[in-house]
Structure formats: structure tokens, C-alpha cells
N, C-alpha and C. Protein backbone atom coordinates (compact mmCIF):
# COMPACT_ATOMS: atom_id res chain seq x y z
N UNK A 1 92.43 38.36 -195.71
CA UNK A 1 92.33 39.77 -196.57
C UNK A 1 90.82 40.07 -196.84
N UNK A 2 90.11 40.82 -196.40
CA UNK A 2 88.73 41.34 -196.97
C UNK A 2 88.61 41.71 -198.32
N UNK A 3 87.63 41.35 -198.93
CA UNK A 3 87.19 41.70 -200.30
C UNK A 3 87.33 43.00 -200.40
N UNK A 4 88.07 43.45 -201.44
CA UNK A 4 88.04 44.91 -201.89
C UNK A 4 86.76 45.49 -202.23
N UNK A 5 86.21 46.96 -201.38
CA UNK A 5 85.04 47.76 -202.03
C UNK A 5 85.54 47.92 -203.75
N UNK A 6 84.12 47.13 -204.42
CA UNK A 6 84.22 47.74 -205.75
C UNK A 6 84.14 49.05 -206.07
N UNK A 7 83.64 49.73 -204.80
CA UNK A 7 83.35 51.27 -205.09
C UNK A 7 84.17 52.25 -204.61
N UNK A 8 85.41 51.68 -204.29
CA UNK A 8 86.09 52.60 -203.39
C UNK A 8 87.18 53.55 -204.20
N UNK A 9 87.49 53.39 -205.29
CA UNK A 9 87.85 54.38 -206.40
C UNK A 9 86.69 54.72 -207.11
N UNK A 10 85.61 54.57 -206.94
CA UNK A 10 84.21 55.11 -207.84
C UNK A 10 84.40 56.75 -207.55
N UNK A 11 84.39 57.44 -208.65
CA UNK A 11 84.35 59.11 -208.44
C UNK A 11 83.90 59.35 -210.13
N UNK A 12 83.31 60.59 -209.92
CA UNK A 12 83.06 61.46 -211.30
C UNK A 12 84.45 61.98 -211.74
N UNK A 13 84.71 61.68 -212.92
CA UNK A 13 85.73 62.35 -213.29
C UNK A 13 85.64 63.27 -214.68
N UNK A 14 86.35 64.18 -214.98
CA UNK A 14 85.97 65.32 -216.04
C UNK A 14 86.81 64.77 -217.16
N UNK A 15 86.19 64.77 -218.24
CA UNK A 15 86.83 64.35 -219.40
C UNK A 15 86.84 65.49 -220.63
N UNK A 16 87.68 65.93 -221.11
CA UNK A 16 88.00 67.28 -222.11
C UNK A 16 87.55 66.49 -223.37
N UNK A 17 86.92 67.30 -224.19
CA UNK A 17 86.64 67.04 -225.29
C UNK A 17 86.92 68.02 -226.22
N UNK A 18 86.69 67.67 -227.67
CA UNK A 18 86.49 68.82 -228.66
C UNK A 18 85.52 69.61 -228.84
N UNK A 19 85.15 70.78 -228.72
CA UNK A 19 84.05 71.55 -228.21
C UNK A 19 82.86 71.08 -229.52
N UNK A 20 81.92 71.03 -229.15
CA UNK A 20 80.94 70.92 -229.82
C UNK A 20 80.50 69.09 -229.99
N UNK A 21 81.61 68.19 -229.16
CA UNK A 21 81.76 66.82 -229.19
C UNK A 21 81.08 66.08 -228.22
N UNK A 22 80.43 67.12 -227.17
CA UNK A 22 80.27 66.60 -226.01
C UNK A 22 79.39 65.47 -226.29
N UNK A 23 78.16 65.45 -226.80
CA UNK A 23 77.19 64.59 -227.01
C UNK A 23 77.89 63.12 -227.98
N UNK A 24 78.57 63.70 -228.54
CA UNK A 24 78.95 62.51 -229.55
C UNK A 24 79.98 61.44 -228.79
N UNK A 25 80.97 62.10 -227.82
CA UNK A 25 81.85 61.53 -227.02
C UNK A 25 80.69 60.85 -226.19
N UNK A 26 79.88 61.45 -225.41
CA UNK A 26 78.76 60.87 -224.35
C UNK A 26 78.64 59.07 -225.24
N UNK A 27 78.06 59.53 -226.29
CA UNK A 27 77.54 58.36 -227.17
C UNK A 27 78.18 57.26 -227.18
N UNK A 28 79.68 57.59 -227.79
CA UNK A 28 80.40 56.68 -228.31
C UNK A 28 80.87 55.99 -227.20
N UNK A 29 81.09 56.37 -225.81
CA UNK A 29 81.58 56.31 -224.55
C UNK A 29 80.71 54.97 -224.19
N UNK A 30 79.17 55.52 -224.30
CA UNK A 30 78.21 54.44 -223.71
C UNK A 30 78.22 53.06 -224.58
N UNK A 31 78.35 53.40 -225.89
CA UNK A 31 78.47 52.15 -226.95
C UNK A 31 79.93 51.14 -226.54
N UNK A 32 80.64 52.01 -226.31
CA UNK A 32 82.34 51.02 -226.18
C UNK A 32 82.18 50.45 -224.62
N UNK A 33 81.58 51.17 -223.79
CA UNK A 33 81.21 50.23 -222.38
C UNK A 33 80.53 49.24 -222.60
N UNK A 34 79.51 49.37 -223.43
CA UNK A 34 78.80 48.19 -223.54
C UNK A 34 79.62 47.22 -224.39
N UNK A 35 79.95 47.32 -225.46
CA UNK A 35 80.27 46.48 -226.41
C UNK A 35 81.59 46.01 -225.91
N UNK A 36 82.46 46.67 -224.88
CA UNK A 36 83.68 46.06 -224.30
C UNK A 36 83.43 45.57 -222.86
N UNK A 37 82.17 45.59 -222.62
CA UNK A 37 81.81 44.47 -221.28
C UNK A 37 82.48 45.55 -219.69
N UNK A 38 82.46 46.85 -220.10
CA UNK A 38 83.39 47.72 -219.11
C UNK A 38 82.20 48.05 -217.99
N UNK A 39 81.05 47.61 -217.73
CA UNK A 39 79.94 48.33 -217.03
C UNK A 39 80.23 48.20 -215.52
N UNK A 40 81.45 47.11 -214.96
CA UNK A 40 81.86 47.00 -213.80
C UNK A 40 82.85 48.29 -213.38
N UNK A 41 83.30 48.96 -214.41
CA UNK A 41 84.22 49.99 -213.78
C UNK A 41 84.03 51.19 -214.64
N UNK A 42 82.88 51.60 -215.61
CA UNK A 42 82.40 52.57 -215.95
C UNK A 42 80.93 52.72 -215.84
N UNK A 43 80.60 53.36 -214.85
CA UNK A 43 79.09 53.45 -214.62
C UNK A 43 78.18 54.54 -215.30
N UNK A 44 78.72 55.20 -215.57
CA UNK A 44 77.49 56.39 -216.26
C UNK A 44 78.23 57.54 -216.76
N UNK A 45 77.82 58.25 -217.88
CA UNK A 45 78.68 59.02 -218.74
C UNK A 45 77.48 60.26 -218.86
N UNK A 46 77.74 61.38 -218.58
CA UNK A 46 76.78 62.54 -218.84
C UNK A 46 77.46 64.07 -219.12
N UNK A 47 76.51 64.72 -219.96
CA UNK A 47 76.66 65.94 -220.66
C UNK A 47 75.99 66.90 -219.71
N UNK A 48 76.16 67.55 -218.75
CA UNK A 48 75.54 68.19 -217.72
C UNK A 48 74.87 69.51 -218.72
N UNK A 49 73.74 69.49 -218.53
CA UNK A 49 72.97 70.51 -219.46
C UNK A 49 71.73 71.07 -218.36
N UNK A 50 71.42 72.56 -218.49
CA UNK A 50 70.31 73.23 -217.97
C UNK A 50 69.45 73.68 -218.50
N UNK A 51 68.10 73.69 -218.45
CA UNK A 51 67.28 74.32 -219.36
C UNK A 51 67.45 76.10 -219.43
N UNK A 52 67.33 76.80 -220.55
CA UNK A 52 67.35 78.04 -220.66
C UNK A 52 66.06 78.47 -221.35
N UNK A 53 65.59 79.49 -220.94
CA UNK A 53 64.59 80.42 -221.78
C UNK A 53 65.49 81.54 -222.67
N UNK A 54 65.09 81.32 -223.91
CA UNK A 54 65.51 82.50 -224.74
C UNK A 54 64.48 82.77 -225.70
N UNK A 55 64.70 84.22 -226.20
CA UNK A 55 63.37 84.83 -226.86
C UNK A 55 64.00 84.81 -228.39
N UNK A 56 62.90 84.21 -229.42
CA UNK A 56 63.18 84.14 -230.49
C UNK A 56 61.81 84.85 -231.10
N UNK A 57 61.69 85.48 -231.92
CA UNK A 57 60.92 86.40 -232.59
C UNK A 57 60.02 86.73 -231.34
N UNK A 58 60.27 87.33 -230.19
CA UNK A 58 59.37 87.89 -229.27
C UNK A 58 58.69 86.62 -228.33
N UNK A 59 58.93 85.28 -228.91
CA UNK A 59 58.28 84.11 -228.21
C UNK A 59 59.48 83.17 -227.33
N UNK A 60 59.14 83.45 -225.80
CA UNK A 60 60.35 82.48 -225.02
C UNK A 60 60.31 80.89 -225.73
N UNK A 61 61.59 80.33 -226.04
CA UNK A 61 61.81 79.10 -226.35
C UNK A 61 62.64 78.41 -225.38
N UNK A 62 62.80 77.29 -225.03
CA UNK A 62 63.27 76.45 -224.15
C UNK A 62 64.61 75.97 -224.75
N UNK A 63 65.49 76.09 -224.22
CA UNK A 63 67.05 75.32 -225.02
C UNK A 63 67.47 74.79 -223.67
N UNK A 64 68.47 73.85 -224.24
CA UNK A 64 68.95 73.13 -223.48
C UNK A 64 70.48 73.62 -223.63
N UNK A 65 71.20 74.11 -222.49
CA UNK A 65 72.69 74.68 -222.38
C UNK A 65 73.39 73.94 -222.03
N UNK A 66 74.67 73.51 -222.51
CA UNK A 66 75.77 72.68 -221.73
C UNK A 66 76.21 73.60 -220.43
N UNK A 67 76.52 73.06 -219.40
CA UNK A 67 76.93 73.98 -218.60
C UNK A 67 78.57 74.09 -218.52
N UNK A 68 78.91 73.15 -219.05
CA UNK A 68 80.68 73.14 -219.35
C UNK A 68 81.15 72.55 -220.54
N UNK A 69 81.02 73.70 -221.78
CA UNK A 69 81.19 73.13 -222.89
C UNK A 69 82.39 72.75 -223.16
N UNK A 70 82.56 71.30 -223.95
CA UNK A 70 84.12 70.95 -223.90
C UNK A 70 84.13 69.87 -223.08
N UNK A 71 83.35 69.42 -222.02
CA UNK A 71 83.59 68.71 -220.93
C UNK A 71 82.55 67.50 -220.89
N UNK A 72 83.27 66.28 -220.42
CA UNK A 72 81.97 65.11 -220.31
C UNK A 72 82.45 64.52 -218.96
N UNK A 73 81.24 64.22 -218.28
CA UNK A 73 81.36 64.02 -216.79
C UNK A 73 81.35 62.14 -216.95
N UNK A 74 82.35 61.58 -216.24
CA UNK A 74 82.17 60.01 -216.18
C UNK A 74 82.46 59.62 -214.93
N UNK A 75 81.48 58.84 -214.78
CA UNK A 75 81.48 58.28 -213.08
C UNK A 75 82.09 56.57 -213.30
N UNK A 76 83.53 56.69 -212.61
CA UNK A 76 83.81 55.29 -213.04
C UNK A 76 84.86 55.08 -212.08
N UNK A 77 85.52 53.85 -212.04
CA UNK A 77 86.68 53.06 -211.30
C UNK A 77 88.15 53.52 -212.33
N UNK A 78 89.00 54.29 -211.86
CA UNK A 78 90.17 54.16 -212.64
C UNK A 78 91.06 52.79 -212.78
N UNK A 79 91.18 52.23 -214.01
CA UNK A 79 91.83 51.13 -213.91
C UNK A 79 92.88 51.23 -215.23
N UNK A 80 93.42 50.57 -215.91
CA UNK A 80 94.40 50.86 -216.56
C UNK A 80 93.49 50.72 -217.75
N UNK A 81 92.47 49.68 -217.66
CA UNK A 81 91.68 49.46 -218.79
C UNK A 81 90.65 50.43 -218.80
N UNK A 82 89.67 50.93 -217.85
CA UNK A 82 89.03 52.17 -217.90
C UNK A 82 89.51 53.36 -218.23
N UNK A 83 90.65 53.56 -218.13
CA UNK A 83 91.39 54.96 -218.66
C UNK A 83 91.58 54.58 -219.81
N UNK A 84 92.19 53.43 -220.36
CA UNK A 84 92.57 53.21 -221.85
C UNK A 84 91.56 53.76 -222.41
N UNK A 85 90.17 53.06 -222.18
CA UNK A 85 88.73 53.34 -223.10
C UNK A 85 88.66 54.61 -223.32
N UNK A 86 88.55 55.48 -222.00
CA UNK A 86 87.92 56.37 -221.71
C UNK A 86 88.88 57.59 -222.90
N UNK A 87 89.75 57.25 -222.66
CA UNK A 87 91.31 58.15 -223.17
C UNK A 87 91.19 57.74 -224.58
N UNK A 88 91.06 56.45 -225.12
CA UNK A 88 91.05 56.53 -226.77
C UNK A 88 89.99 56.57 -227.55
N UNK A 89 88.83 57.18 -226.66
CA UNK A 89 87.56 57.30 -227.38
C UNK A 89 87.30 58.48 -228.23
N UNK A 90 87.25 58.58 -229.42
CA UNK A 90 87.48 59.43 -230.64
C UNK A 90 86.85 60.85 -230.14
N UNK A 91 87.45 61.90 -230.28
CA UNK A 91 87.06 63.34 -229.83
C UNK A 91 87.47 63.66 -228.32
N UNK A 92 88.01 62.71 -227.71
CA UNK A 92 88.26 62.83 -226.25
C UNK A 92 89.59 63.35 -226.28
N UNK A 93 90.45 64.46 -225.54
CA UNK A 93 91.26 65.09 -225.65
C UNK A 93 92.10 64.76 -224.20
N UNK A 94 91.21 64.11 -223.11
CA UNK A 94 92.20 63.83 -222.25
C UNK A 94 91.37 63.85 -220.56
N UNK A 95 91.56 63.58 -219.87
CA UNK A 95 91.25 63.93 -218.37
C UNK A 95 91.56 65.39 -218.01
N UNK A 96 90.76 65.66 -216.83
CA UNK A 96 91.27 66.52 -216.48
C UNK A 96 91.69 66.34 -215.10
N UNK A 97 92.98 66.84 -215.02
CA UNK A 97 93.93 66.24 -213.72
C UNK A 97 95.80 66.53 -214.07
N UNK A 98 96.40 65.78 -213.49
CA UNK A 98 97.78 66.12 -213.35
C UNK A 98 98.26 65.18 -214.45
N UNK A 99 99.01 65.31 -215.27
CA UNK A 99 99.76 64.29 -216.19
C UNK A 99 98.59 63.59 -216.56
N UNK A 100 98.95 62.15 -216.45
CA UNK A 100 97.82 60.96 -216.69
C UNK A 100 96.90 60.55 -215.74
N UNK A 101 97.07 61.31 -214.43
CA UNK A 101 96.16 60.89 -213.25
C UNK A 101 94.97 61.81 -213.38
N UNK A 102 93.88 61.23 -213.78
CA UNK A 102 92.65 61.75 -213.21
C UNK A 102 92.38 62.50 -211.87
N UNK A 103 91.90 63.77 -211.96
CA UNK A 103 91.63 64.12 -210.42
C UNK A 103 89.78 64.09 -210.52
N UNK A 104 89.46 63.36 -209.44
CA UNK A 104 88.13 63.31 -209.34
C UNK A 104 87.35 64.85 -208.83
N UNK A 105 86.14 64.45 -209.20
CA UNK A 105 85.50 65.68 -208.91
C UNK A 105 84.65 65.49 -207.63
N UNK A 106 84.85 66.76 -206.66
CA UNK A 106 84.63 66.88 -205.27
C UNK A 106 83.29 66.38 -205.11
N UNK A 107 82.50 65.84 -204.09
CA UNK A 107 81.36 65.48 -204.07
C UNK A 107 80.84 66.82 -203.63
N UNK A 108 81.48 68.12 -203.35
CA UNK A 108 80.21 69.41 -203.39
C UNK A 108 80.38 69.99 -204.83
N UNK A 109 81.50 69.69 -205.73
CA UNK A 109 81.32 70.21 -206.89
C UNK A 109 79.70 69.66 -207.53
N UNK A 110 80.37 67.92 -207.44
CA UNK A 110 79.01 67.17 -208.38
C UNK A 110 77.63 67.71 -207.81
N UNK A 111 77.77 68.16 -206.49
CA UNK A 111 76.02 68.68 -205.98
C UNK A 111 75.86 69.79 -206.51
N UNK A 112 76.94 70.58 -206.68
CA UNK A 112 76.44 71.76 -207.15
C UNK A 112 76.02 71.64 -208.75
N UNK A 113 76.44 70.70 -209.36
CA UNK A 113 76.23 70.44 -211.23
C UNK A 113 74.91 69.84 -211.10
N UNK A 114 74.82 68.38 -209.95
CA UNK A 114 73.43 68.15 -209.99
C UNK A 114 72.00 68.98 -209.75
N UNK A 115 72.26 69.90 -208.69
CA UNK A 115 71.19 70.84 -208.55
C UNK A 115 70.85 71.78 -209.74
N UNK A 116 71.76 72.20 -210.44
CA UNK A 116 71.73 72.90 -211.61
C UNK A 116 71.08 72.20 -212.89
N UNK A 117 71.07 70.86 -212.83
CA UNK A 117 70.97 70.07 -214.21
C UNK A 117 69.38 69.47 -213.53
N UNK A 118 69.37 69.40 -212.47
CA UNK A 118 67.95 68.92 -211.51
C UNK A 118 66.83 69.98 -211.71
N UNK A 119 67.35 71.14 -211.82
CA UNK A 119 66.37 72.39 -211.68
C UNK A 119 65.43 72.18 -213.33
N UNK A 120 63.91 71.88 -212.99
CA UNK A 120 63.37 71.72 -214.07
C UNK A 120 62.58 72.69 -214.49
N UNK A 121 62.62 73.86 -213.86
CA UNK A 121 62.25 75.44 -213.85
C UNK A 121 63.08 75.94 -215.06
N UNK A 122 62.84 76.18 -216.13
CA UNK A 122 63.92 76.60 -217.11
C UNK A 122 64.00 78.26 -216.72
N UNK A 123 65.03 78.80 -216.68
CA UNK A 123 65.64 80.27 -216.39
C UNK A 123 66.02 80.99 -217.83
N UNK A 124 65.26 82.26 -217.92
CA UNK A 124 65.76 82.98 -218.70
C UNK A 124 67.21 83.34 -219.07
N UNK A 125 67.55 83.51 -220.45
CA UNK A 125 69.35 84.01 -219.94
C UNK A 125 69.19 85.74 -219.81
N UNK A 126 69.85 86.26 -218.73
CA UNK A 126 69.79 87.77 -219.13
C UNK A 126 71.02 88.10 -219.17
N UNK A 127 71.02 88.99 -220.04
CA UNK A 127 72.36 89.92 -220.11
C UNK A 127 72.05 91.39 -219.21
N UNK A 128 71.15 91.36 -218.56
CA UNK A 128 70.75 92.52 -217.77
C UNK A 128 71.59 92.32 -216.45
N UNK A 129 72.13 93.61 -215.96
CA UNK A 129 72.31 93.22 -214.80
C UNK A 129 71.71 94.67 -213.81
N UNK A 130 71.55 94.71 -212.46
CA UNK A 130 71.15 95.88 -211.81
C UNK A 130 72.16 97.07 -212.02
N UNK A 131 71.35 98.47 -212.32
CA UNK A 131 72.39 99.37 -212.49
C UNK A 131 72.38 99.75 -214.03
N UNK A 132 72.46 98.85 -214.78
CA UNK A 132 72.45 98.87 -216.09
C UNK A 132 71.53 100.05 -216.86
N UNK A 133 72.23 100.64 -217.69
CA UNK A 133 71.45 101.84 -218.63
C UNK A 133 70.46 101.24 -219.83
N UNK A 134 69.43 101.17 -219.96
CA UNK A 134 68.64 100.81 -220.99
C UNK A 134 67.91 101.84 -221.68
N UNK A 135 67.29 101.24 -223.21
CA UNK A 135 66.86 102.03 -223.50
C UNK A 135 65.50 100.85 -223.82
N UNK A 136 64.17 101.76 -223.95
CA UNK A 136 63.09 100.86 -223.76
C UNK A 136 62.74 100.79 -225.43
N UNK A 137 62.58 99.68 -225.92
CA UNK A 137 62.29 99.53 -227.39
C UNK A 137 60.85 99.20 -227.71
N UNK A 138 60.20 99.06 -226.68
CA UNK A 138 58.85 98.52 -227.24
C UNK A 138 58.04 98.75 -226.19
N UNK A 139 56.64 99.17 -226.43
CA UNK A 139 55.24 99.54 -225.69
C UNK A 139 55.19 100.86 -225.14
N UNK A 140 54.08 100.82 -224.19
CA UNK A 140 54.08 102.30 -224.18
C UNK A 140 55.16 103.45 -223.58
N UNK A 141 56.01 102.99 -223.11
CA UNK A 141 57.20 103.71 -222.74
C UNK A 141 58.43 103.56 -223.84
N UNK A 142 58.36 103.40 -224.83
CA UNK A 142 59.16 103.29 -226.14
C UNK A 142 59.69 104.48 -225.79
N UNK A 143 61.26 104.43 -226.24
CA UNK A 143 62.38 105.42 -226.18
C UNK A 143 62.48 106.23 -224.95
N UNK A 144 61.90 105.75 -223.77
CA UNK A 144 62.32 105.98 -222.64
C UNK A 144 63.56 105.26 -222.04
N UNK A 145 64.49 106.15 -221.29
CA UNK A 145 65.50 105.43 -220.83
C UNK A 145 65.53 105.40 -219.33
N UNK A 146 66.41 104.69 -218.73
CA UNK A 146 66.42 104.19 -217.41
C UNK A 146 67.41 103.13 -216.85
N UNK A 147 67.51 102.92 -215.58
CA UNK A 147 68.37 102.10 -214.99
C UNK A 147 67.78 100.66 -214.54
N UNK A 148 68.40 99.71 -214.37
CA UNK A 148 67.57 98.40 -214.39
C UNK A 148 67.69 98.41 -212.89
N UNK A 149 66.12 98.20 -212.23
CA UNK A 149 66.60 98.12 -210.78
C UNK A 149 66.43 97.08 -210.28
N UNK A 150 65.79 95.63 -211.30
CA UNK A 150 65.93 94.40 -210.24
C UNK A 150 65.66 93.78 -211.81
N UNK A 151 66.01 92.47 -211.55
CA UNK A 151 66.05 91.12 -212.77
C UNK A 151 65.60 89.98 -212.43
N UNK A 152 64.55 89.40 -213.10
CA UNK A 152 63.99 88.57 -212.61
C UNK A 152 63.71 87.24 -213.59
N UNK A 153 64.89 86.42 -213.41
CA UNK A 153 65.30 85.42 -214.48
C UNK A 153 64.19 84.59 -214.54
N UNK A 154 63.41 84.10 -213.47
CA UNK A 154 62.42 83.08 -213.71
C UNK A 154 60.98 83.45 -214.50
N UNK A 155 61.20 84.81 -214.43
CA UNK A 155 59.71 85.19 -215.21
C UNK A 155 60.24 85.98 -216.84
N UNK A 156 61.99 86.28 -216.77
CA UNK A 156 61.88 86.87 -217.77
C UNK A 156 61.66 88.32 -217.75
N UNK A 157 61.55 88.85 -216.86
CA UNK A 157 61.38 90.23 -216.59
C UNK A 157 62.45 91.00 -215.97
N UNK A 158 62.46 92.57 -216.29
CA UNK A 158 62.99 93.48 -215.53
C UNK A 158 62.30 94.80 -215.03
N UNK A 159 62.91 95.22 -214.02
CA UNK A 159 62.02 96.56 -213.51
C UNK A 159 63.03 97.64 -213.76
N UNK A 160 62.49 98.59 -214.59
CA UNK A 160 63.59 99.79 -214.84
C UNK A 160 62.85 100.84 -214.49
N UNK A 161 63.72 101.76 -213.72
CA UNK A 161 63.46 103.03 -213.34
C UNK A 161 63.48 103.89 -214.28
N UNK A 162 62.21 104.81 -214.50
CA UNK A 162 62.29 105.59 -215.60
C UNK A 162 61.64 107.14 -215.25
N UNK A 163 62.33 108.24 -215.78
CA UNK A 163 61.98 109.26 -215.07
C UNK A 163 60.51 109.78 -215.61
N UNK A 164 59.63 109.97 -215.30
CA UNK A 164 58.25 110.15 -215.44
C UNK A 164 57.20 111.23 -214.82
N UNK A 165 57.44 112.26 -215.57
CA UNK A 165 56.59 113.54 -214.87
C UNK A 165 57.82 113.89 -213.76
N UNK A 166 59.14 114.01 -214.09
CA UNK A 166 59.84 114.24 -212.73
C UNK A 166 60.06 113.34 -211.66
N UNK A 167 59.35 112.31 -211.64
CA UNK A 167 59.42 111.15 -210.71
C UNK A 167 60.01 110.04 -211.41
N UNK A 168 61.01 109.22 -210.64
CA UNK A 168 61.63 107.85 -211.14
C UNK A 168 59.97 106.82 -210.63
N UNK A 169 60.05 106.33 -211.73
CA UNK A 169 59.03 105.36 -211.58
C UNK A 169 59.24 103.99 -212.22
N UNK A 170 58.94 102.94 -211.27
CA UNK A 170 59.54 101.52 -211.56
C UNK A 170 58.50 101.01 -213.07
N UNK A 171 59.11 100.83 -214.00
CA UNK A 171 58.20 99.94 -215.16
C UNK A 171 58.66 98.84 -215.50
N UNK A 172 58.24 97.56 -215.10
CA UNK A 172 58.13 96.05 -215.19
C UNK A 172 58.29 95.81 -216.97
N UNK A 173 59.23 95.31 -217.32
CA UNK A 173 59.00 94.95 -218.69
C UNK A 173 59.53 93.63 -219.12
N UNK A 174 59.46 93.10 -219.83
CA UNK A 174 60.07 91.53 -220.58
C UNK A 174 61.02 92.14 -221.11
N UNK A 175 62.32 90.74 -221.39
CA UNK A 175 63.36 91.24 -221.30
C UNK A 175 63.95 91.77 -223.01
N UNK A 176 62.63 91.33 -223.75
CA UNK A 176 62.94 91.91 -225.00
C UNK A 176 62.73 93.38 -225.29
N UNK A 177 61.90 94.00 -224.41
CA UNK A 177 61.30 95.16 -224.37
C UNK A 177 62.68 96.35 -224.16
N UNK A 178 63.63 95.91 -223.86
CA UNK A 178 64.71 97.16 -223.76
C UNK A 178 65.92 96.46 -224.03
N UNK A 179 66.92 97.42 -224.30
CA UNK A 179 68.20 97.08 -224.62
C UNK A 179 69.18 98.01 -223.86
N UNK A 180 70.24 97.09 -223.65
CA UNK A 180 71.44 98.05 -223.01
C UNK A 180 71.97 99.39 -223.84
N UNK A 181 72.01 100.43 -223.37
CA UNK A 181 72.95 101.26 -223.89
C UNK A 181 74.05 101.18 -224.30
């Protein structure tokens, strides 16, 4: 009999938590793994977040937004002990899976999560979509109306096609300078 690969059953699993308790669950899991000596079966706990820029009082503010509110990712081997430890952590409501059997996150799914978390460039949160009718609320074209022609979440800008002297003219605006009609 060869030695069993300790990583054979190792996968990322998704744990469901009460909303708003993701960070608390992450912390208490890490403490429990430490105090109960479960580092051989539970390797990492994450609350995937991405950076987003939002405007407050006209200033761009960087915030971290949870990608999956109500969920925590756990990198673990599922054994009776490790399952029990995670399942009985306060504010954990269960594993995502069928019945009591946790279903692992596929490598593809995890790759998508990793890329989004790894993006260091914060993106602006946009409620605008191409074709939206907007009214300009600030700047030289205040009170003009137009349709959104492009959205740039990296720069926090939209281009709106505005009728000026009977010609459609593209006007570039910050997200804060327009409102949906």
C-alpha cells in the first residue's frame, strides 16, 4: 500500500453564513483551526472581495465589496473532524452541496474568483448601461439629455450622445455628472 496523498481530497469548498458575518466566520474558523490543531486538514479560509470605486460627495472612494455576500471559501480535506469543525462554527449555516456532502468549487470557478480578487485596479461601480437615457446634472451641458454611448468602469466615465445644434455630439462625463431618467 502506497502512502495516501494528503492532498487527494483537498479542495475549496463553499460555506454558507449568516449575511454580514462572513469576516467574523473567517476569523473564528482561523482561530479554531489553530486552537484545535487542524492545520493538516484545513489550509485556508477566504472571504473573496474585489476593490470598487464609488463616489462620495463627488470624490472617488475605494471600497472592498464581497464577491459573494453570505459565503466563505474554505480550502480543506473533508474528514469527519474537519467537517464538524467548520459546520459547528458560530454563524455558519452549512456547506453548499447536497445534503451533508459538501461539493467542491471547480478549478475553473476558483480561477475566476482568484482573478477578480487579484485585480489590484479598483473599478468604478456603474449603474449605467449603453442605451440608457440620462440627464446631465453637472457641468457645461447641465440639463441636456442623451443616451449613454459607452461606459468606462476603469476611469469612472461615460460618453453620452447629446443633441447640440441639431447634431449628435459625444460628451464625456464622470459617473456623478449624469442621472438615469
